[in-house]
Amino acid sequence: MVTVLLVGLGGIGFRHFQAILNCKSDIELYAVDVEDRAIDRAREYVVSIHYSKPVSFLKNTDNLKDRIFEVVIIATSSKVRKSIFYNIAKRNIIKYLIFEKVLFTQIDDYYEVKELLQEKEILAYVNCTGRENRDYQKLKEKIEDYKKIHFYYRGSNWGLACNAIHKIDLFSYLTNASSEKLILDGNLLENKIYESKRNGYIEFFGSFSGKIGDNVSFVIECDHGNNEVAVDIYTEDIFYSVREGKEMLISENGLIRTEYFEVEYISQTTTEIVDNLINKRKILLPSYEDSMNIHIPFIKMLLKKMDDITGIKNRYCNIT
């Protein structure tokens, strides 16, 4: 029996929790959350599905020491993620680690966490799950060899600051473009900082553009309307428009056809990811270092926008 640790049982964390309970591997699970109601909800779910493997619930990670964790998932908000990681990693052995994004709120944290990951020889990933979507994997085979590709991700109220990392990572994956070559321009973001739905965090609207090397360009846009979320993909001779969970429109040689395009949720993808890690099989999530190469330009872009709006130098970008 291997030991798995999940920190955070809120919205996304609870989806991870559900997925872990569906794993085929023989798992002893430790689940941590500071909120009693989150723990109560998870306890009730364990009972409701008649789960028989051991699950321990904790309010914090302070009493976890000298343990070997096969897989650790940190699904907390970004402000506390680094301190929680340090608290676990300095006193326990971690083989595989999955971070939720957005990773951290300040630039220095990215380098400090990277250093500790290397010191402790932890294989770390970031939970950008577009790569695990089988329909995106099929699409990748169709477009990855094009010399020029442009992406336009658009829609209303989808959480640009919170979720744009997913989209940039997806573009990098679909085209095999190196995240080290990412350049972003946030001049077209709205000149206003909004309060996020998550208490203590902020959000942005508008659009920003980017390039990954010489062959991949994109625009990511989030407005206040009621527009459907979609990603349009322009190649040299074929146009694709993806609406996850609905369809993919394909325009080629003057003809238009549609195919169903599946959406895969964390409550599904995490099951396979955790089982694969335990059984030493390959997973497709981006490595910490690859995702760090996307996070840092993104955070810097938003910090610059914050500086322009507030007229002061901002150190923290409180997005999650």
Foldseek 3Di string as FASTA:
>chain_A
DAEEEEEDQPDQSVLLLLLQLVAPDQYAYEYEALDPVSVVVSVVVCVVVVRDHHYHYYHACQPDAAEEHLEYEYEDAADCQLVRVCNNLVGYQYAEYEYEPPHHFFLVSLVVVVVSCVVSVHFYFYPLCPQVFVLLVVLLVVAQPFQAKEKEWEFEDPFCLTCVLSVVVSQCVSNVFALLQKAKADPQKDLDWAPDPDPPAITTFGKIKMDRPDHYIYMYGYHHDGTATWMWMDGPFKIWIDREQAWIWIAGPNDIDIDGHYDDGSSHVSNVVVNCSVVVHDDDGHTSVRSSSVSVNSSVNVQVSVCVNPVDRDRTRGDD
